[in-house]
Amino acid sequence: MEQQNHSIIIENRRKIVLTGVREVESFNDNDVIVITTKGALRIRGRGFEVGKVSVESGDMEFTGNVTSVHYSDTERTPNNFITKIFR
């Protein structure tokens, strides 16, 4: 399996563009958790709204006010992923 690149672009803390997204774990107004080709990624903020999502290409775009971005170094498993990312 070919390794896909991952990138995150944040424009003025308001527009977020992601590539290399494998799965969207959760998405709400204040919290986005995605699994990327480079690990789990959590973006916190306010007023998030989905713009574009492409399952085929792994691209995602949304808007809102970003307050933090955090990558998890642990491998995702059904039980410990959520536990570790919310510590």
PDB file of N, CA and C in Angstrom:
ATOM      1  N   MET A   1       0.846  -1.186   0.000  1.00  0.00           N
ATOM      2  CA  MET A   1       0.000   0.000   0.000  1.00  0.00           C
ATOM      3  C   MET A   1       0.890   1.246   0.000  1.00  0.00           C
ATOM      4  N   GLU A   2       0.602   2.159  -0.878  1.00  0.00           N
ATOM      5  CA  GLU A   2       1.366   3.397  -1.005  1.00  0.00           C
ATOM      6  C   GLU A   2       0.997   4.362   0.120  1.00  0.00           C
ATOM      7  N   GLN A   3       2.012   4.996   0.720  1.00  0.00           N
ATOM      8  CA  GLN A   3       1.789   5.946   1.805  1.00  0.00           C
ATOM      9  C   GLN A   3       1.342   7.284   1.222  1.00  0.00           C
ATOM     10  N   GLN A   4       0.195   7.763   1.643  1.00  0.00           N
ATOM     11  CA  GLN A   4      -0.336   9.035   1.164  1.00  0.00           C
ATOM     12  C   GLN A   4       0.203  10.176   2.024  1.00  0.00           C
ATOM     13  N   ASN A   5       0.497  11.298   1.404  1.00  0.00           N
ATOM     14  CA  ASN A   5       0.937  12.478   2.133  1.00  0.00           C
ATOM     15  C   ASN A   5      -0.192  13.055   2.960  1.00  0.00           C
ATOM     16  N   HIS A   6       0.184  13.803   3.985  1.00  0.00           N
ATOM     17  CA  HIS A   6      -0.784  14.488   4.837  1.00  0.00           C
ATOM     18  C   HIS A   6      -0.328  15.934   4.996  1.00  0.00           C
ATOM     19  N   SER A   7      -1.286  16.852   4.922  1.00  0.00           N
ATOM     20  CA  SER A   7      -0.970  18.249   5.198  1.00  0.00           C
ATOM     21  C   SER A   7      -2.156  18.909   5.888  1.00  0.00           C
ATOM     22  N   ILE A   8      -1.842  19.973   6.604  1.00  0.00           N
ATOM     23  CA  ILE A   8      -2.866  20.790   7.243  1.00  0.00           C
ATOM     24  C   ILE A   8      -2.516  22.244   6.956  1.00  0.00           C
ATOM     25  N   ILE A   9      -3.502  22.959   6.446  1.00  0.00           N
ATOM     26  CA  ILE A   9      -3.340  24.389   6.173  1.00  0.00           C
ATOM     27  C   ILE A   9      -4.425  25.110   6.966  1.00  0.00           C
ATOM     28  N   ILE A  10      -4.004  26.075   7.768  1.00  0.00           N
ATOM     29  CA  ILE A  10      -4.943  26.890   8.538  1.00  0.00           C
ATOM     30  C   ILE A  10      -4.753  28.329   8.088  1.00  0.00           C
ATOM     31  N   GLU A  11      -5.786  28.893   7.511  1.00  0.00           N
ATOM     32  CA  GLU A  11      -5.748  30.269   7.026  1.00  0.00           C
ATOM     33  C   GLU A  11      -6.436  31.188   8.021  1.00  0.00           C
ATOM     34  N   ASN A  12      -5.663  32.094   8.601  1.00  0.00           N
ATOM     35  CA  ASN A  12      -6.193  33.101   9.536  1.00  0.00           C
ATOM     36  C   ASN A  12      -6.991  32.499  10.692  1.00  0.00           C
ATOM     37  N   ARG A  13      -6.624  31.279  11.083  1.00  0.00           N
ATOM     38  CA  ARG A  13      -7.305  30.557  12.169  1.00  0.00           C
ATOM     39  C   ARG A  13      -8.795  30.364  11.903  1.00  0.00           C
ATOM     40  N   ARG A  14      -9.231  30.474  10.647  1.00  0.00           N
ATOM     41  CA  ARG A  14     -10.652  30.389  10.306  1.00  0.00           C
ATOM     42  C   ARG A  14     -10.976  29.307   9.280  1.00  0.00           C
ATOM     43  N   LYS A  15     -10.071  29.021   8.379  1.00  0.00           N
ATOM     44  CA  LYS A  15     -10.320  28.023   7.331  1.00  0.00           C
ATOM     45  C   LYS A  15      -9.265  26.926   7.448  1.00  0.00           C
ATOM     46  N   ILE A  16      -9.728  25.673   7.493  1.00  0.00           N
ATOM     47  CA  ILE A  16      -8.839  24.539   7.661  1.00  0.00           C
ATOM     48  C   ILE A  16      -8.971  23.630   6.447  1.00  0.00           C
ATOM     49  N   VAL A  17      -7.835  23.277   5.860  1.00  0.00           N
ATOM     50  CA  VAL A  17      -7.801  22.356   4.728  1.00  0.00           C
ATOM     51  C   VAL A  17      -6.873  21.210   5.112  1.00  0.00           C
ATOM     52  N   LEU A  18      -7.392  19.982   5.059  1.00  0.00           N
ATOM     53  CA  LEU A  18      -6.625  18.791   5.403  1.00  0.00           C
ATOM     54  C   LEU A  18      -6.506  17.882   4.194  1.00  0.00           C
ATOM     55  N   THR A  19      -5.373  17.232   4.054  1.00  0.00           N
ATOM     56  CA  THR A  19      -5.221  16.163   3.075  1.00  0.00           C
ATOM     57  C   THR A  19      -4.723  14.932   3.820  1.00  0.00           C
ATOM     58  N   GLY A  20      -4.888  13.777   3.218  1.00  0.00           N
ATOM     59  CA  GLY A  20      -4.444  12.540   3.855  1.00  0.00           C
ATOM     60  C   GLY A  20      -5.355  12.069   4.963  1.00  0.00           C
ATOM     61  N   VAL A  21      -6.630  12.438   4.918  1.00  0.00           N
ATOM     62  CA  VAL A  21      -7.596  12.010   5.933  1.00  0.00           C
ATOM     63  C   VAL A  21      -8.118  10.624   5.556  1.00  0.00           C
ATOM     64  N   ARG A  22      -7.974   9.684   6.470  1.00  0.00           N
ATOM     65  CA  ARG A  22      -8.474   8.327   6.250  1.00  0.00           C
ATOM     66  C   ARG A  22      -9.878   8.135   6.804  1.00  0.00           C
ATOM     67  N   GLU A  23     -10.156   8.799   7.925  1.00  0.00           N
ATOM     68  CA  GLU A  23     -11.443   8.599   8.610  1.00  0.00           C
ATOM     69  C   GLU A  23     -11.762   9.805   9.483  1.00  0.00           C
ATOM     70  N   VAL A  24     -13.027  10.178   9.545  1.00  0.00           N
ATOM     71  CA  VAL A  24     -13.476  11.219  10.462  1.00  0.00           C
ATOM     72  C   VAL A  24     -14.079  10.517  11.674  1.00  0.00           C
ATOM     73  N   GLU A  25     -13.385  10.607  12.814  1.00  0.00           N
ATOM     74  CA  GLU A  25     -13.864   9.982  14.052  1.00  0.00           C
ATOM     75  C   GLU A  25     -15.069  10.732  14.606  1.00  0.00           C
ATOM     76  N   SER A  26     -14.948  12.064  14.681  1.00  0.00           N
ATOM     77  CA  SER A  26     -16.068  12.873  15.177  1.00  0.00           C
ATOM     78  C   SER A  26     -15.913  14.300  14.671  1.00  0.00           C
ATOM     79  N   PHE A  27     -17.055  14.953  14.572  1.00  0.00           N
ATOM     80  CA  PHE A  27     -17.073  16.339  14.111  1.00  0.00           C
ATOM     81  C   PHE A  27     -18.260  17.011  14.772  1.00  0.00           C
ATOM     82  N   ASN A  28     -18.005  18.084  15.519  1.00  0.00           N
ATOM     83  CA  ASN A  28     -19.090  18.908  16.045  1.00  0.00           C
ATOM     84  C   ASN A  28     -18.643  20.365  16.028  1.00  0.00           C
ATOM     85  N   ASP A  29     -19.437  21.241  16.586  1.00  0.00           N
ATOM     86  CA  ASP A  29     -19.159  22.683  16.537  1.00  0.00           C
ATOM     87  C   ASP A  29     -17.814  23.083  17.135  1.00  0.00           C
ATOM     88  N   ASN A  30     -17.323  22.283  18.102  1.00  0.00           N
ATOM     89  CA  ASN A  30     -16.142  22.691  18.855  1.00  0.00           C
ATOM     90  C   ASN A  30     -14.964  21.725  18.779  1.00  0.00           C
ATOM     91  N   ASP A  31     -15.126  20.583  18.129  1.00  0.00           N
ATOM     92  CA  ASP A  31     -14.111  19.554  18.188  1.00  0.00           C
ATOM     93  C   ASP A  31     -14.142  18.687  16.938  1.00  0.00           C
ATOM     94  N   VAL A  32     -12.983  18.487  16.325  1.00  0.00           N
ATOM     95  CA  VAL A  32     -12.867  17.621  15.155  1.00  0.00           C
ATOM     96  C   VAL A  32     -11.764  16.613  15.438  1.00  0.00           C
ATOM     97  N   ILE A  33     -12.062  15.334  15.266  1.00  0.00           N
ATOM     98  CA  ILE A  33     -11.064  14.286  15.419  1.00  0.00           C
ATOM     99  C   ILE A  33     -11.048  13.477  14.132  1.00  0.00           C
ATOM    100  N   VAL A  34      -9.871  13.430  13.503  1.00  0.00           N
ATOM    101  CA  VAL A  34      -9.717  12.670  12.264  1.00  0.00           C
ATOM    102  C   VAL A  34      -8.507  11.748  12.383  1.00  0.00           C
ATOM    103  N   ILE A  35      -8.550  10.658  11.624  1.00  0.00           N
ATOM    104  CA  ILE A  35      -7.409   9.769  11.502  1.00  0.00           C
ATOM    105  C   ILE A  35      -6.767  10.083  10.157  1.00  0.00           C
ATOM    106  N   THR A  36      -5.515  10.482  10.202  1.00  0.00           N
ATOM    107  CA  THR A  36      -4.793  10.839   8.980  1.00  0.00           C
ATOM    108  C   THR A  36      -3.757   9.757   8.671  1.00  0.00           C
ATOM    109  N   THR A  37      -3.116   9.886   7.548  1.00  0.00           N
ATOM    110  CA  THR A  37      -2.055   8.950   7.184  1.00  0.00           C
ATOM    111  C   THR A  37      -0.848   9.078   8.104  1.00  0.00           C
ATOM    112  N   LYS A  38      -0.787  10.131   8.895  1.00  0.00           N
ATOM    113  CA  LYS A  38       0.318  10.359   9.828  1.00  0.00           C
ATOM    114  C   LYS A  38      -0.111  10.275  11.281  1.00  0.00           C
ATOM    115  N   GLY A  39      -1.312   9.767  11.559  1.00  0.00           N
ATOM    116  CA  GLY A  39      -1.778   9.598  12.935  1.00  0.00           C
ATOM    117  C   GLY A  39      -3.066  10.341  13.207  1.00  0.00           C
ATOM    118  N   ALA A  40      -3.502  10.247  14.459  1.00  0.00           N
ATOM    119  CA  ALA A  40      -4.741  10.893  14.889  1.00  0.00           C
ATOM    120  C   ALA A  40      -4.502  12.396  15.057  1.00  0.00           C
ATOM    121  N   LEU A  41      -5.500  13.181  14.680  1.00  0.00           N
ATOM    122  CA  LEU A  41      -5.404  14.638  14.754  1.00  0.00           C
ATOM    123  C   LEU A  41      -6.679  15.177  15.380  1.00  0.00           C
ATOM    124  N   ARG A  42      -6.515  16.029  16.383  1.00  0.00           N
ATOM    125  CA  ARG A  42      -7.655  16.678  17.038  1.00  0.00           C
ATOM    126  C   ARG A  42      -7.512  18.185  16.884  1.00  0.00           C
ATOM    127  N   ILE A  43      -8.583  18.822  16.395  1.00  0.00           N
ATOM    128  CA  ILE A  43      -8.617  20.273  16.234  1.00  0.00           C
ATOM    129  C   ILE A  43      -9.748  20.803  17.092  1.00  0.00           C
ATOM    130  N   ARG A  44      -9.425  21.728  17.977  1.00  0.00           N
ATOM    131  CA  ARG A  44     -10.433  22.328  18.851  1.00  0.00           C
ATOM    132  C   ARG A  44     -10.672  23.767  18.432  1.00  0.00           C
ATOM    133  N   GLY A  45     -11.881  24.233  18.717  1.00  0.00           N
ATOM    134  CA  GLY A  45     -12.216  25.608  18.394  1.00  0.00           C
ATOM    135  C   GLY A  45     -13.678  25.889  18.624  1.00  0.00           C
ATOM    136  N   ARG A  46     -14.234  26.804  17.830  1.00  0.00           N
ATOM    137  CA  ARG A  46     -15.646  27.180  17.970  1.00  0.00           C
ATOM    138  C   ARG A  46     -16.248  27.395  16.587  1.00  0.00           C
ATOM    139  N   GLY A  47     -17.502  27.007  16.457  1.00  0.00           N
ATOM    140  CA  GLY A  47     -18.253  27.293  15.248  1.00  0.00           C
ATOM    141  C   GLY A  47     -17.816  26.543  14.010  1.00  0.00           C
ATOM    142  N   PHE A  48     -17.331  25.309  14.176  1.00  0.00           N
ATOM    143  CA  PHE A  48     -16.887  24.546  13.010  1.00  0.00           C
ATOM    144  C   PHE A  48     -18.062  24.177  12.109  1.00  0.00           C
ATOM    145  N   GLU A  49     -17.860  24.347  10.811  1.00  0.00           N
ATOM    146  CA  GLU A  49     -18.846  23.961   9.799  1.00  0.00           C
ATOM    147  C   GLU A  49     -18.120  23.273   8.655  1.00  0.00           C
ATOM    148  N   VAL A  50     -18.650  22.138   8.227  1.00  0.00           N
ATOM    149  CA  VAL A  50     -18.043  21.368   7.138  1.00  0.00           C
ATOM    150  C   VAL A  50     -18.199  22.116   5.829  1.00  0.00           C
ATOM    151  N   GLY A  51     -17.125  22.164   5.072  1.00  0.00           N
ATOM    152  CA  GLY A  51     -17.160  22.731   3.729  1.00  0.00           C
ATOM    153  C   GLY A  51     -17.200  21.616   2.709  1.00  0.00           C
ATOM    154  N   LYS A  52     -16.081  20.885   2.584  1.00  0.00           N
ATOM    155  CA  LYS A  52     -15.970  19.794   1.623  1.00  0.00           C
ATOM    156  C   LYS A  52     -15.318  18.589   2.286  1.00  0.00           C
ATOM    157  N   VAL A  53     -15.780  17.409   1.903  1.00  0.00           N
ATOM    158  CA  VAL A  53     -15.161  16.160   2.338  1.00  0.00           C
ATOM    159  C   VAL A  53     -15.146  15.215   1.145  1.00  0.00           C
ATOM    160  N   SER A  54     -13.990  14.654   0.846  1.00  0.00           N
ATOM    161  CA  SER A  54     -13.876  13.687  -0.238  1.00  0.00           C
ATOM    162  C   SER A  54     -13.252  12.408   0.302  1.00  0.00           C
ATOM    163  N   VAL A  55     -14.049  11.366   0.388  1.00  0.00           N
ATOM    164  CA  VAL A  55     -13.561  10.086   0.880  1.00  0.00           C
ATOM    165  C   VAL A  55     -12.518   9.508  -0.073  1.00  0.00           C
ATOM    166  N   GLU A  56     -12.731   9.668  -1.354  1.00  0.00           N
ATOM    167  CA  GLU A  56     -11.822   9.108  -2.351  1.00  0.00           C
ATOM    168  C   GLU A  56     -10.425   9.714  -2.278  1.00  0.00           C
ATOM    169  N   SER A  57     -10.341  11.027  -2.195  1.00  0.00           N
ATOM    170  CA  SER A  57      -9.038  11.694  -2.197  1.00  0.00           C
ATOM    171  C   SER A  57      -8.469  11.913  -0.797  1.00  0.00           C
ATOM    172  N   GLY A  58      -9.302  11.835   0.246  1.00  0.00           N
ATOM    173  CA  GLY A  58      -8.839  12.074   1.609  1.00  0.00           C
ATOM    174  C   GLY A  58      -8.717  13.542   1.948  1.00  0.00           C
ATOM    175  N   ASP A  59      -9.418  14.400   1.192  1.00  0.00           N
ATOM    176  CA  ASP A  59      -9.380  15.845   1.445  1.00  0.00           C
ATOM    177  C   ASP A  59     -10.575  16.273   2.277  1.00  0.00           C
ATOM    178  N   MET A  60     -10.356  17.261   3.128  1.00  0.00           N
ATOM    179  CA  MET A  60     -11.417  17.792   3.984  1.00  0.00           C
ATOM    180  C   MET A  60     -11.189  19.282   4.166  1.00  0.00           C
ATOM    181  N   GLU A  61     -12.270  20.028   4.170  1.00  0.00           N
ATOM    182  CA  GLU A  61     -12.189  21.478   4.360  1.00  0.00           C
ATOM    183  C   GLU A  61     -13.328  21.896   5.277  1.00  0.00           C
ATOM    184  N   PHE A  62     -13.018  22.753   6.254  1.00  0.00           N
ATOM    185  CA  PHE A  62     -14.058  23.297   7.111  1.00  0.00           C
ATOM    186  C   PHE A  62     -13.643  24.660   7.638  1.00  0.00           C
ATOM    187  N   THR A  63     -14.607  25.379   8.192  1.00  0.00           N
ATOM    188  CA  THR A  63     -14.352  26.709   8.729  1.00  0.00           C
ATOM    189  C   THR A  63     -14.728  26.755  10.201  1.00  0.00           C
ATOM    190  N   GLY A  64     -14.237  27.753  10.893  1.00  0.00           N
ATOM    191  CA  GLY A  64     -14.502  27.952  12.311  1.00  0.00           C
ATOM    192  C   GLY A  64     -13.308  28.653  12.931  1.00  0.00           C
ATOM    193  N   ASN A  65     -13.361  28.878  14.221  1.00  0.00           N
ATOM    194  CA  ASN A  65     -12.286  29.557  14.940  1.00  0.00           C
ATOM    195  C   ASN A  65     -11.409  28.510  15.632  1.00  0.00           C
ATOM    196  N   VAL A  66     -10.200  28.295  15.133  1.00  0.00           N
ATOM    197  CA  VAL A  66      -9.289  27.281  15.661  1.00  0.00           C
ATOM    198  C   VAL A  66      -8.590  27.800  16.911  1.00  0.00           C
ATOM    199  N   THR A  67      -8.621  26.982  17.990  1.00  0.00           N
ATOM    200  CA  THR A  67      -7.910  27.337  19.215  1.00  0.00           C
ATOM    201  C   THR A  67      -6.742  26.405  19.498  1.00  0.00           C
ATOM    202  N   SER A  68      -6.792  25.147  19.004  1.00  0.00           N
ATOM    203  CA  SER A  68      -5.655  24.243  19.194  1.00  0.00           C
ATOM    204  C   SER A  68      -5.673  23.110  18.179  1.00  0.00           C
ATOM    205  N   VAL A  69      -4.484  22.575  17.939  1.00  0.00           N
ATOM    206  CA  VAL A  69      -4.282  21.443  17.035  1.00  0.00           C
ATOM    207  C   VAL A  69      -3.347  20.476  17.751  1.00  0.00           C
ATOM    208  N   HIS A  70      -3.746  19.198  17.800  1.00  0.00           N
ATOM    209  CA  HIS A  70      -2.938  18.220  18.526  1.00  0.00           C
ATOM    210  C   HIS A  70      -2.903  16.895  17.773  1.00  0.00           C
ATOM    211  N   TYR A  71      -1.681  16.406  17.534  1.00  0.00           N
ATOM    212  CA  TYR A  71      -1.490  15.077  16.953  1.00  0.00           C
ATOM    213  C   TYR A  71      -1.242  14.087  18.078  1.00  0.00           C
ATOM    214  N   SER A  72      -1.775  12.887  17.927  1.00  0.00           N
ATOM    215  CA  SER A  72      -1.531  11.826  18.884  1.00  0.00           C
ATOM    216  C   SER A  72      -0.451  10.913  18.328  1.00  0.00           C
ATOM    217  N   ASP A  73       0.522  10.556  19.160  1.00  0.00           N
ATOM    218  CA  ASP A  73       1.606   9.674  18.738  1.00  0.00           C
ATOM    219  C   ASP A  73       1.256   8.205  18.879  1.00  0.00           C
ATOM    220  N   THR A  74       0.145   7.909  19.534  1.00  0.00           N
ATOM    221  CA  THR A  74      -0.224   6.515  19.760  1.00  0.00           C
ATOM    222  C   THR A  74      -1.013   5.970  18.584  1.00  0.00           C
ATOM    223  N   GLU A  75      -0.901   4.676  18.394  1.00  0.00           N
ATOM    224  CA  GLU A  75      -1.696   4.017  17.360  1.00  0.00           C
ATOM    225  C   GLU A  75      -3.143   3.939  17.829  1.00  0.00           C
ATOM    226  N   ARG A  76      -4.045   4.050  16.910  1.00  0.00           N
ATOM    227  CA  ARG A  76      -5.475   4.022  17.218  1.00  0.00           C
ATOM    228  C   ARG A  76      -5.938   2.586  17.415  1.00  0.00           C
ATOM    229  N   THR A  77      -6.602   2.356  18.525  1.00  0.00           N
ATOM    230  CA  THR A  77      -7.326   1.107  18.743  1.00  0.00           C
ATOM    231  C   THR A  77      -8.707   1.495  19.225  1.00  0.00           C
ATOM    232  N   PRO A  78      -9.701   0.641  19.071  1.00  0.00           N
ATOM    233  CA  PRO A  78     -11.075   1.037  19.405  1.00  0.00           C
ATOM    234  C   PRO A  78     -11.252   1.622  20.797  1.00  0.00           C
ATOM    235  N   ASN A  79     -10.555   1.091  21.819  1.00  0.00           N
ATOM    236  CA  ASN A  79     -10.781   1.584  23.172  1.00  0.00           C
ATOM    237  C   ASN A  79      -9.783   2.633  23.631  1.00  0.00           C
ATOM    238  N   ASN A  80      -8.496   2.449  23.314  1.00  0.00           N
ATOM    239  CA  ASN A  80      -7.534   3.379  23.900  1.00  0.00           C
ATOM    240  C   ASN A  80      -7.373   4.681  23.126  1.00  0.00           C
ATOM    241  N   PHE A  81      -7.789   4.761  21.871  1.00  0.00           N
ATOM    242  CA  PHE A  81      -7.646   6.000  21.109  1.00  0.00           C
ATOM    243  C   PHE A  81      -8.416   7.141  21.762  1.00  0.00           C
ATOM    244  N   ILE A  82      -9.693   6.961  21.992  1.00  0.00           N
ATOM    245  CA  ILE A  82     -10.512   8.028  22.589  1.00  0.00           C
ATOM    246  C   ILE A  82     -10.035   8.338  23.998  1.00  0.00           C
ATOM    247  N   THR A  83      -9.690   7.316  24.770  1.00  0.00           N
ATOM    248  CA  THR A  83      -9.223   7.522  26.143  1.00  0.00           C
ATOM    249  C   THR A  83      -7.960   8.385  26.155  1.00  0.00           C
ATOM    250  N   LYS A  84      -6.997   8.070  25.308  1.00  0.00           N
ATOM    251  CA  LYS A  84      -5.731   8.811  25.319  1.00  0.00           C
ATOM    252  C   LYS A  84      -5.861  10.214  24.735  1.00  0.00           C
ATOM    253  N   ILE A  85      -6.666  10.391  23.728  1.00  0.00           N
ATOM    254  CA  ILE A  85      -6.755  11.711  23.101  1.00  0.00           C
ATOM    255  C   ILE A  85      -7.515  12.706  23.986  1.00  0.00           C
ATOM    256  N   PHE A  86      -8.381  12.208  24.876  1.00  0.00           N
ATOM    257  CA  PHE A  86      -9.135  13.113  25.745  1.00  0.00           C
ATOM    258  C   PHE A  86      -8.509  13.296  27.112  1.00  0.00           C
ATOM    259  N   ARG A  87      -7.282  12.843  27.311  1.00  0.00           N
ATOM    260  CA  ARG A  87      -6.605  13.040  28.611  1.00  0.00           C
ATOM    261  C   ARG A  87      -6.316  14.474  28.871  1.00  0.00           C
TER     262      ARG A  87
END
